[in-house]
Amino acid sequence: MHTQNSPPKKGTRNMFFDIFSTKNKKIVKRWMKEHEAIVVLAHKVIAAYSNNNHTLAKKELASLNNVAVDHLMNEDIELFKLLKKRDEQHHKIENDIKKFKENFAETKINLMKFLTYYSKRETPLDESFFDQFNSLVGILGERIDFEENNLYQKLETI
C-alpha cells in the first residue's frame, strides 16, 4: 500500500499511465470520427453546389461550419492541456504539438473566416466560393492525413 513517505508501487503507476493513455486514445478516436464527418460534409457541399442546389449547399456548409469549429476548438483545448502536463519523457511529442499548432494556425484562421462568411444566409455561393472551397478541402485533406499519421499516433502512445 502507498503511504506519503513511500513511492507508489509500480502497478499503481502503470494503472494511472493506462488511464491517461486510454483517455488519449479516446480523444484521438473522436477526432478521427470528426475528420470523417468533416470530409463527408465537404463532399456534400461540393455535390450540392455542383448540382446547382445552392440551398442544400448552404445547409451542408452550415453543418460543416459547426462540426469544423467545434473540432478545432476542442483540439486546441486538448492539445493545450497536454502541453501543460510537461514530462521529460514526452518532450518530443510536446515539440511536435507546438509545431503542429504553429504550422496550422494560418490555415485554421482562413478556414474559420471562410466558413463564417459563406455560412451567412445572405452570402451567395458563387464561383469564387467554389474555387476557394476546393482549395481549402485539398489543404484540409493533407492536414487531416498529417494529423492522423503523425500527431495522433504519437498521442496514442502517451
N, C-alpha and C. Protein backbone atom coordinates (compact mmCIF):
# COMPACT_ATOMS: atom_id res chain seq x y z
N MET A 1 0.84 -1.19 0.00
CA MET A 1 0.00 0.00 0.00
C MET A 1 0.88 1.24 0.00
N HIS A 2 0.45 2.25 -0.68
CA HIS A 2 1.19 3.51 -0.83
C HIS A 2 0.93 4.41 0.38
N THR A 3 2.02 4.93 0.96
CA THR A 3 1.90 5.94 2.01
C THR A 3 2.59 7.20 1.50
N GLN A 4 2.43 8.28 2.25
CA GLN A 4 3.04 9.53 1.81
C GLN A 4 4.55 9.44 1.75
N ASN A 5 5.16 8.63 2.59
CA ASN A 5 6.62 8.54 2.65
C ASN A 5 7.20 7.47 1.72
N SER A 6 6.37 6.67 1.13
CA SER A 6 6.89 5.62 0.24
C SER A 6 6.44 5.89 -1.19
N PRO A 7 7.27 5.50 -2.16
CA PRO A 7 6.88 5.72 -3.55
C PRO A 7 5.73 4.79 -3.93
N PRO A 8 4.93 5.19 -4.92
CA PRO A 8 3.83 4.33 -5.32
C PRO A 8 4.38 3.03 -5.91
N LYS A 9 3.64 1.97 -5.72
CA LYS A 9 4.06 0.70 -6.30
C LYS A 9 3.98 0.80 -7.81
N LYS A 10 4.80 -0.01 -8.47
CA LYS A 10 4.88 0.05 -9.91
C LYS A 10 3.51 -0.18 -10.56
N GLY A 11 2.73 -1.09 -10.04
CA GLY A 11 1.41 -1.37 -10.60
C GLY A 11 0.51 -0.15 -10.55
N THR A 12 0.59 0.62 -9.48
CA THR A 12 -0.22 1.83 -9.36
C THR A 12 0.17 2.85 -10.42
N ARG A 13 1.47 3.03 -10.61
CA ARG A 13 1.94 3.98 -11.63
C ARG A 13 1.45 3.55 -13.01
N ASN A 14 1.55 2.26 -13.31
CA ASN A 14 1.09 1.76 -14.60
C ASN A 14 -0.41 1.94 -14.77
N MET A 15 -1.17 1.79 -13.68
CA MET A 15 -2.61 1.97 -13.74
C MET A 15 -2.94 3.41 -14.16
N PHE A 16 -2.26 4.37 -13.55
CA PHE A 16 -2.51 5.77 -13.91
C PHE A 16 -2.05 6.06 -15.33
N PHE A 17 -0.93 5.49 -15.73
CA PHE A 17 -0.46 5.68 -17.10
C PHE A 17 -1.46 5.11 -18.09
N ASP A 18 -2.01 3.92 -17.77
CA ASP A 18 -3.01 3.30 -18.65
C ASP A 18 -4.26 4.16 -18.77
N ILE A 19 -4.68 4.77 -17.65
CA ILE A 19 -5.85 5.64 -17.69
C ILE A 19 -5.57 6.84 -18.59
N PHE A 20 -4.41 7.46 -18.44
CA PHE A 20 -4.06 8.61 -19.26
C PHE A 20 -3.96 8.20 -20.73
N SER A 21 -3.33 7.08 -20.98
CA SER A 21 -3.16 6.59 -22.34
C SER A 21 -4.52 6.29 -22.97
N THR A 22 -5.42 5.66 -22.21
CA THR A 22 -6.75 5.35 -22.70
C THR A 22 -7.51 6.64 -23.03
N LYS A 23 -7.35 7.65 -22.20
CA LYS A 23 -8.01 8.93 -22.45
C LYS A 23 -7.54 9.51 -23.78
N ASN A 24 -6.23 9.48 -24.03
CA ASN A 24 -5.71 9.99 -25.30
C ASN A 24 -6.24 9.19 -26.48
N LYS A 25 -6.32 7.89 -26.32
CA LYS A 25 -6.84 7.05 -27.40
C LYS A 25 -8.28 7.42 -27.71
N LYS A 26 -9.07 7.68 -26.68
CA LYS A 26 -10.47 8.07 -26.89
C LYS A 26 -10.55 9.42 -27.61
N ILE A 27 -9.69 10.34 -27.20
CA ILE A 27 -9.67 11.66 -27.84
C ILE A 27 -9.31 11.51 -29.32
N VAL A 28 -8.27 10.73 -29.59
CA VAL A 28 -7.83 10.52 -30.97
C VAL A 28 -8.94 9.87 -31.78
N LYS A 29 -9.60 8.89 -31.21
CA LYS A 29 -10.69 8.20 -31.91
C LYS A 29 -11.81 9.20 -32.24
N ARG A 30 -12.15 10.05 -31.26
CA ARG A 30 -13.20 11.06 -31.50
C ARG A 30 -12.78 12.03 -32.60
N TRP A 31 -11.52 12.48 -32.55
CA TRP A 31 -11.04 13.42 -33.57
C TRP A 31 -11.06 12.78 -34.95
N MET A 32 -10.72 11.51 -35.04
CA MET A 32 -10.73 10.84 -36.34
C MET A 32 -12.15 10.72 -36.88
N LYS A 33 -13.12 10.46 -36.00
CA LYS A 33 -14.52 10.43 -36.43
C LYS A 33 -14.97 11.81 -36.90
N GLU A 34 -14.51 12.84 -36.20
CA GLU A 34 -14.84 14.21 -36.60
C GLU A 34 -14.22 14.52 -37.97
N HIS A 35 -13.01 14.04 -38.21
CA HIS A 35 -12.38 14.22 -39.51
C HIS A 35 -13.24 13.59 -40.60
N GLU A 36 -13.73 12.38 -40.34
CA GLU A 36 -14.59 11.72 -41.32
C GLU A 36 -15.83 12.55 -41.59
N ALA A 37 -16.44 13.08 -40.54
CA ALA A 37 -17.64 13.91 -40.69
C ALA A 37 -17.33 15.17 -41.50
N ILE A 38 -16.19 15.78 -41.25
CA ILE A 38 -15.78 16.98 -41.98
C ILE A 38 -15.62 16.66 -43.47
N VAL A 39 -14.97 15.56 -43.78
CA VAL A 39 -14.76 15.16 -45.17
C VAL A 39 -16.10 14.87 -45.85
N VAL A 40 -16.98 14.14 -45.17
CA VAL A 40 -18.30 13.82 -45.74
C VAL A 40 -19.08 15.10 -46.01
N LEU A 41 -19.09 16.01 -45.05
CA LEU A 41 -19.81 17.27 -45.24
C LEU A 41 -19.21 18.10 -46.36
N ALA A 42 -17.89 18.12 -46.47
CA ALA A 42 -17.25 18.86 -47.55
C ALA A 42 -17.68 18.30 -48.91
N HIS A 43 -17.74 16.98 -49.02
CA HIS A 43 -18.18 16.36 -50.27
C HIS A 43 -19.66 16.66 -50.55
N LYS A 44 -20.46 16.72 -49.51
CA LYS A 44 -21.88 17.08 -49.69
C LYS A 44 -22.02 18.51 -50.20
N VAL A 45 -21.20 19.41 -49.69
CA VAL A 45 -21.23 20.80 -50.16
C VAL A 45 -20.86 20.83 -51.65
N ILE A 46 -19.79 20.15 -52.01
CA ILE A 46 -19.34 20.13 -53.40
C ILE A 46 -20.42 19.53 -54.31
N ALA A 47 -21.02 18.42 -53.87
CA ALA A 47 -22.06 17.77 -54.68
C ALA A 47 -23.27 18.68 -54.86
N ALA A 48 -23.72 19.29 -53.78
CA ALA A 48 -24.89 20.18 -53.87
C ALA A 48 -24.59 21.38 -54.76
N TYR A 49 -23.43 21.97 -54.58
CA TYR A 49 -23.06 23.12 -55.40
C TYR A 49 -22.94 22.72 -56.87
N SER A 50 -22.33 21.58 -57.13
CA SER A 50 -22.16 21.09 -58.50
C SER A 50 -23.50 20.80 -59.17
N ASN A 51 -24.49 20.42 -58.37
CA ASN A 51 -25.84 20.17 -58.90
C ASN A 51 -26.69 21.45 -58.91
N ASN A 52 -26.03 22.58 -58.67
CA ASN A 52 -26.68 23.89 -58.67
C ASN A 52 -27.78 24.01 -57.61
N ASN A 53 -27.64 23.25 -56.53
CA ASN A 53 -28.58 23.33 -55.42
C ASN A 53 -27.91 24.13 -54.30
N HIS A 54 -27.95 25.44 -54.44
CA HIS A 54 -27.26 26.31 -53.50
C HIS A 54 -27.91 26.31 -52.12
N THR A 55 -29.20 26.05 -52.07
CA THR A 55 -29.88 25.99 -50.77
C THR A 55 -29.34 24.81 -49.96
N LEU A 56 -29.23 23.65 -50.58
CA LEU A 56 -28.67 22.48 -49.90
C LEU A 56 -27.19 22.69 -49.60
N ALA A 57 -26.46 23.30 -50.52
CA ALA A 57 -25.04 23.57 -50.29
C ALA A 57 -24.87 24.46 -49.06
N LYS A 58 -25.72 25.47 -48.91
CA LYS A 58 -25.66 26.36 -47.73
C LYS A 58 -25.94 25.57 -46.45
N LYS A 59 -26.94 24.69 -46.52
CA LYS A 59 -27.30 23.89 -45.35
C LYS A 59 -26.11 23.00 -44.94
N GLU A 60 -25.51 22.34 -45.91
CA GLU A 60 -24.36 21.47 -45.62
C GLU A 60 -23.16 22.28 -45.16
N LEU A 61 -23.00 23.48 -45.73
CA LEU A 61 -21.90 24.36 -45.33
C LEU A 61 -22.06 24.81 -43.88
N ALA A 62 -23.29 25.10 -43.48
CA ALA A 62 -23.55 25.48 -42.09
C ALA A 62 -23.22 24.31 -41.15
N SER A 63 -23.59 23.10 -41.55
CA SER A 63 -23.25 21.92 -40.75
C SER A 63 -21.74 21.75 -40.68
N LEU A 64 -21.07 21.93 -41.80
CA LEU A 64 -19.61 21.83 -41.84
C LEU A 64 -18.99 22.87 -40.92
N ASN A 65 -19.51 24.07 -40.95
CA ASN A 65 -19.02 25.14 -40.09
C ASN A 65 -19.10 24.71 -38.62
N ASN A 66 -20.25 24.19 -38.21
CA ASN A 66 -20.43 23.77 -36.82
C ASN A 66 -19.47 22.66 -36.43
N VAL A 67 -19.38 21.63 -37.26
CA VAL A 67 -18.51 20.49 -36.94
C VAL A 67 -17.04 20.92 -36.94
N ALA A 68 -16.63 21.68 -37.94
CA ALA A 68 -15.23 22.08 -38.05
C ALA A 68 -14.81 23.00 -36.90
N VAL A 69 -15.63 23.98 -36.58
CA VAL A 69 -15.28 24.91 -35.49
C VAL A 69 -15.24 24.17 -34.16
N ASP A 70 -16.23 23.31 -33.91
CA ASP A 70 -16.22 22.52 -32.67
C ASP A 70 -14.96 21.66 -32.59
N HIS A 71 -14.61 21.02 -33.71
CA HIS A 71 -13.43 20.17 -33.75
C HIS A 71 -12.16 20.98 -33.47
N LEU A 72 -12.02 22.10 -34.14
CA LEU A 72 -10.82 22.92 -33.98
C LEU A 72 -10.68 23.45 -32.56
N MET A 73 -11.78 23.89 -31.99
CA MET A 73 -11.74 24.42 -30.63
C MET A 73 -11.39 23.32 -29.63
N ASN A 74 -12.03 22.16 -29.77
CA ASN A 74 -11.75 21.05 -28.87
C ASN A 74 -10.31 20.59 -29.01
N GLU A 75 -9.83 20.52 -30.23
CA GLU A 75 -8.46 20.11 -30.47
C GLU A 75 -7.49 21.09 -29.80
N ASP A 76 -7.75 22.37 -29.95
CA ASP A 76 -6.90 23.38 -29.29
C ASP A 76 -6.89 23.19 -27.78
N ILE A 77 -8.05 22.98 -27.19
CA ILE A 77 -8.15 22.83 -25.74
C ILE A 77 -7.40 21.59 -25.28
N GLU A 78 -7.64 20.47 -25.94
CA GLU A 78 -6.99 19.22 -25.53
C GLU A 78 -5.47 19.27 -25.73
N LEU A 79 -5.03 19.85 -26.84
CA LEU A 79 -3.59 19.96 -27.07
C LEU A 79 -2.95 20.89 -26.05
N PHE A 80 -3.66 21.95 -25.69
CA PHE A 80 -3.16 22.87 -24.66
C PHE A 80 -3.01 22.14 -23.33
N LYS A 81 -4.01 21.32 -22.97
CA LYS A 81 -3.94 20.56 -21.73
C LYS A 81 -2.72 19.63 -21.74
N LEU A 82 -2.49 18.98 -22.88
CA LEU A 82 -1.34 18.08 -22.97
C LEU A 82 -0.03 18.84 -22.82
N LEU A 83 0.04 20.04 -23.37
CA LEU A 83 1.26 20.84 -23.25
C LEU A 83 1.51 21.26 -21.81
N LYS A 84 0.46 21.46 -21.05
CA LYS A 84 0.61 21.85 -19.65
C LYS A 84 1.18 20.71 -18.81
N LYS A 85 0.96 19.48 -19.24
CA LYS A 85 1.46 18.32 -18.50
C LYS A 85 2.84 17.98 -19.02
N ARG A 86 3.80 18.80 -18.62
CA ARG A 86 5.17 18.62 -19.11
C ARG A 86 5.83 17.44 -18.43
N ASP A 87 6.51 16.68 -19.24
CA ASP A 87 7.19 15.48 -18.75
C ASP A 87 8.37 15.25 -19.70
N GLU A 88 9.53 15.05 -19.14
CA GLU A 88 10.73 14.86 -19.96
C GLU A 88 10.54 13.75 -20.99
N GLN A 89 9.86 12.70 -20.58
CA GLN A 89 9.66 11.56 -21.46
C GLN A 89 8.87 11.95 -22.71
N HIS A 90 8.06 12.95 -22.59
CA HIS A 90 7.18 13.33 -23.70
C HIS A 90 7.59 14.65 -24.34
N HIS A 91 8.83 15.06 -24.11
CA HIS A 91 9.31 16.34 -24.64
C HIS A 91 9.21 16.41 -26.17
N LYS A 92 9.54 15.34 -26.86
CA LYS A 92 9.49 15.30 -28.33
C LYS A 92 8.06 15.49 -28.81
N ILE A 93 7.12 14.83 -28.16
CA ILE A 93 5.71 14.96 -28.55
C ILE A 93 5.24 16.39 -28.29
N GLU A 94 5.69 16.97 -27.19
CA GLU A 94 5.35 18.36 -26.87
C GLU A 94 5.82 19.29 -28.00
N ASN A 95 7.04 19.07 -28.47
CA ASN A 95 7.57 19.89 -29.58
C ASN A 95 6.76 19.68 -30.85
N ASP A 96 6.36 18.44 -31.11
CA ASP A 96 5.54 18.15 -32.29
C ASP A 96 4.20 18.87 -32.22
N ILE A 97 3.60 18.88 -31.04
CA ILE A 97 2.31 19.57 -30.86
C ILE A 97 2.48 21.07 -31.11
N LYS A 98 3.54 21.65 -30.56
CA LYS A 98 3.79 23.08 -30.77
C LYS A 98 3.97 23.40 -32.25
N LYS A 99 4.78 22.58 -32.96
CA LYS A 99 4.99 22.79 -34.40
C LYS A 99 3.68 22.67 -35.16
N PHE A 100 2.89 21.67 -34.81
CA PHE A 100 1.60 21.47 -35.46
C PHE A 100 0.72 22.69 -35.30
N LYS A 101 0.62 23.20 -34.07
CA LYS A 101 -0.23 24.36 -33.81
C LYS A 101 0.26 25.59 -34.57
N GLU A 102 1.58 25.79 -34.59
CA GLU A 102 2.15 26.95 -35.30
C GLU A 102 1.92 26.84 -36.80
N ASN A 103 2.15 25.67 -37.37
CA ASN A 103 2.00 25.48 -38.82
C ASN A 103 0.56 25.55 -39.28
N PHE A 104 -0.37 25.17 -38.42
CA PHE A 104 -1.77 25.12 -38.81
C PHE A 104 -2.52 26.40 -38.49
N ALA A 105 -1.92 27.30 -37.75
CA ALA A 105 -2.62 28.50 -37.27
C ALA A 105 -3.23 29.31 -38.41
N GLU A 106 -2.46 29.60 -39.44
CA GLU A 106 -2.98 30.42 -40.54
C GLU A 106 -4.09 29.70 -41.30
N THR A 107 -3.91 28.42 -41.57
CA THR A 107 -4.94 27.66 -42.27
C THR A 107 -6.23 27.63 -41.46
N LYS A 108 -6.09 27.44 -40.15
CA LYS A 108 -7.27 27.39 -39.28
C LYS A 108 -8.02 28.72 -39.31
N ILE A 109 -7.29 29.81 -39.24
CA ILE A 109 -7.93 31.14 -39.27
C ILE A 109 -8.63 31.35 -40.61
N ASN A 110 -7.97 31.01 -41.70
CA ASN A 110 -8.58 31.16 -43.03
C ASN A 110 -9.83 30.29 -43.17
N LEU A 111 -9.77 29.07 -42.67
CA LEU A 111 -10.92 28.17 -42.73
C LEU A 111 -12.09 28.76 -41.95
N MET A 112 -11.82 29.22 -40.75
CA MET A 112 -12.90 29.75 -39.92
C MET A 112 -13.50 31.01 -40.53
N LYS A 113 -12.67 31.88 -41.08
CA LYS A 113 -13.18 33.09 -41.75
C LYS A 113 -14.04 32.71 -42.95
N PHE A 114 -13.55 31.76 -43.75
CA PHE A 114 -14.27 31.31 -44.93
C PHE A 114 -15.63 30.74 -44.55
N LEU A 115 -15.64 29.82 -43.58
CA LEU A 115 -16.89 29.18 -43.18
C LEU A 115 -17.86 30.19 -42.57
N THR A 116 -17.34 31.10 -41.77
CA THR A 116 -18.20 32.12 -41.17
C THR A 116 -18.83 33.00 -42.25
N TYR A 117 -18.02 33.42 -43.21
CA TYR A 117 -18.52 34.30 -44.28
C TYR A 117 -19.54 33.58 -45.16
N TYR A 118 -19.20 32.42 -45.67
CA TYR A 118 -20.07 31.74 -46.61
C TYR A 118 -21.24 31.01 -45.96
N SER A 119 -21.22 30.84 -44.65
CA SER A 119 -22.36 30.22 -43.96
C SER A 119 -23.49 31.22 -43.73
N LYS A 120 -23.20 32.50 -43.89
CA LYS A 120 -24.23 33.52 -43.71
C LYS A 120 -25.30 33.34 -44.79
N ARG A 121 -26.52 33.43 -44.36
CA ARG A 121 -27.66 33.25 -45.27
C ARG A 121 -27.59 34.18 -46.48
N GLU A 122 -27.16 35.42 -46.25
CA GLU A 122 -27.17 36.43 -47.32
C GLU A 122 -25.98 36.34 -48.28
N THR A 123 -24.98 35.55 -47.97
CA THR A 123 -23.79 35.45 -48.82
C THR A 123 -24.04 34.43 -49.93
N PRO A 124 -23.96 34.88 -51.19
CA PRO A 124 -24.20 33.94 -52.30
C PRO A 124 -23.03 32.97 -52.49
N LEU A 125 -23.34 31.79 -52.97
CA LEU A 125 -22.32 30.80 -53.29
C LEU A 125 -22.00 30.95 -54.78
N ASP A 126 -20.90 31.65 -55.05
CA ASP A 126 -20.52 31.93 -56.43
C ASP A 126 -19.29 31.10 -56.82
N GLU A 127 -18.74 31.38 -57.99
CA GLU A 127 -17.56 30.65 -58.45
C GLU A 127 -16.38 30.85 -57.51
N SER A 128 -16.24 32.04 -56.97
CA SER A 128 -15.16 32.31 -56.03
C SER A 128 -15.27 31.39 -54.81
N PHE A 129 -16.50 31.22 -54.32
CA PHE A 129 -16.73 30.31 -53.21
C PHE A 129 -16.23 28.91 -53.57
N PHE A 130 -16.65 28.43 -54.73
CA PHE A 130 -16.35 27.05 -55.11
C PHE A 130 -14.84 26.84 -55.29
N ASP A 131 -14.18 27.80 -55.91
CA ASP A 131 -12.72 27.70 -56.09
C ASP A 131 -12.00 27.69 -54.74
N GLN A 132 -12.37 28.62 -53.87
CA GLN A 132 -11.75 28.69 -52.54
C GLN A 132 -12.05 27.44 -51.71
N PHE A 133 -13.30 26.97 -51.81
CA PHE A 133 -13.70 25.80 -51.04
C PHE A 133 -12.90 24.57 -51.48
N ASN A 134 -12.77 24.37 -52.78
CA ASN A 134 -12.00 23.23 -53.28
C ASN A 134 -10.54 23.32 -52.83
N SER A 135 -9.99 24.50 -52.83
CA SER A 135 -8.62 24.69 -52.36
C SER A 135 -8.50 24.33 -50.88
N LEU A 136 -9.44 24.83 -50.07
CA LEU A 136 -9.43 24.53 -48.64
C LEU A 136 -9.61 23.04 -48.37
N VAL A 137 -10.48 22.40 -49.14
CA VAL A 137 -10.70 20.96 -48.96
C VAL A 137 -9.40 20.20 -49.22
N GLY A 138 -8.65 20.60 -50.24
CA GLY A 138 -7.36 19.96 -50.52
C GLY A 138 -6.38 20.15 -49.38
N ILE A 139 -6.29 21.37 -48.88
CA ILE A 139 -5.39 21.67 -47.77
C ILE A 139 -5.80 20.89 -46.52
N LEU A 140 -7.10 20.87 -46.25
CA LEU A 140 -7.58 20.15 -45.07
C LEU A 140 -7.35 18.65 -45.19
N GLY A 141 -7.51 18.12 -46.39
CA GLY A 141 -7.24 16.69 -46.60
C GLY A 141 -5.80 16.36 -46.25
N GLU A 142 -4.87 17.20 -46.70
CA GLU A 142 -3.45 16.99 -46.38
C GLU A 142 -3.22 17.13 -44.87
N ARG A 143 -3.88 18.09 -44.27
CA ARG A 143 -3.71 18.33 -42.84
C ARG A 143 -4.25 17.17 -42.01
N ILE A 144 -5.42 16.68 -42.39
CA ILE A 144 -6.02 15.54 -41.69
C ILE A 144 -5.10 14.33 -41.80
N ASP A 145 -4.59 14.10 -43.00
CA ASP A 145 -3.67 12.98 -43.21
C ASP A 145 -2.44 13.12 -42.31
N PHE A 146 -1.89 14.33 -42.25
CA PHE A 146 -0.73 14.58 -41.40
C PHE A 146 -1.06 14.32 -39.93
N GLU A 147 -2.18 14.87 -39.46
CA GLU A 147 -2.57 14.70 -38.06
C GLU A 147 -2.71 13.23 -37.71
N GLU A 148 -3.46 12.50 -38.53
CA GLU A 148 -3.75 11.12 -38.20
C GLU A 148 -2.52 10.23 -38.29
N ASN A 149 -1.63 10.51 -39.22
CA ASN A 149 -0.47 9.65 -39.43
C ASN A 149 0.76 10.07 -38.64
N ASN A 150 0.72 11.20 -37.99
CA ASN A 150 1.86 11.66 -37.21
C ASN A 150 1.45 11.98 -35.78
N LEU A 151 0.77 13.08 -35.62
CA LEU A 151 0.45 13.58 -34.28
C LEU A 151 -0.42 12.60 -33.49
N TYR A 152 -1.51 12.13 -34.09
CA TYR A 152 -2.44 11.28 -33.36
C TYR A 152 -1.79 9.97 -32.95
N GLN A 153 -0.97 9.40 -33.82
CA GLN A 153 -0.29 8.15 -33.47
C GLN A 153 0.61 8.35 -32.25
N LYS A 154 1.27 9.50 -32.19
CA LYS A 154 2.14 9.77 -31.04
C LYS A 154 1.32 9.99 -29.77
N LEU A 155 0.18 10.67 -29.91
CA LEU A 155 -0.66 10.92 -28.74
C LEU A 155 -1.20 9.62 -28.16
N GLU A 156 -1.47 8.66 -29.03
CA GLU A 156 -2.00 7.37 -28.54
C GLU A 156 -0.96 6.61 -27.73
N THR A 157 0.31 6.93 -27.90
CA THR A 157 1.36 6.20 -27.19
C THR A 157 1.68 6.78 -25.82
N ILE A 158 1.17 7.98 -25.52
CA ILE A 158 1.47 8.56 -24.21
C ILE A 158 0.29 8.41 -23.27
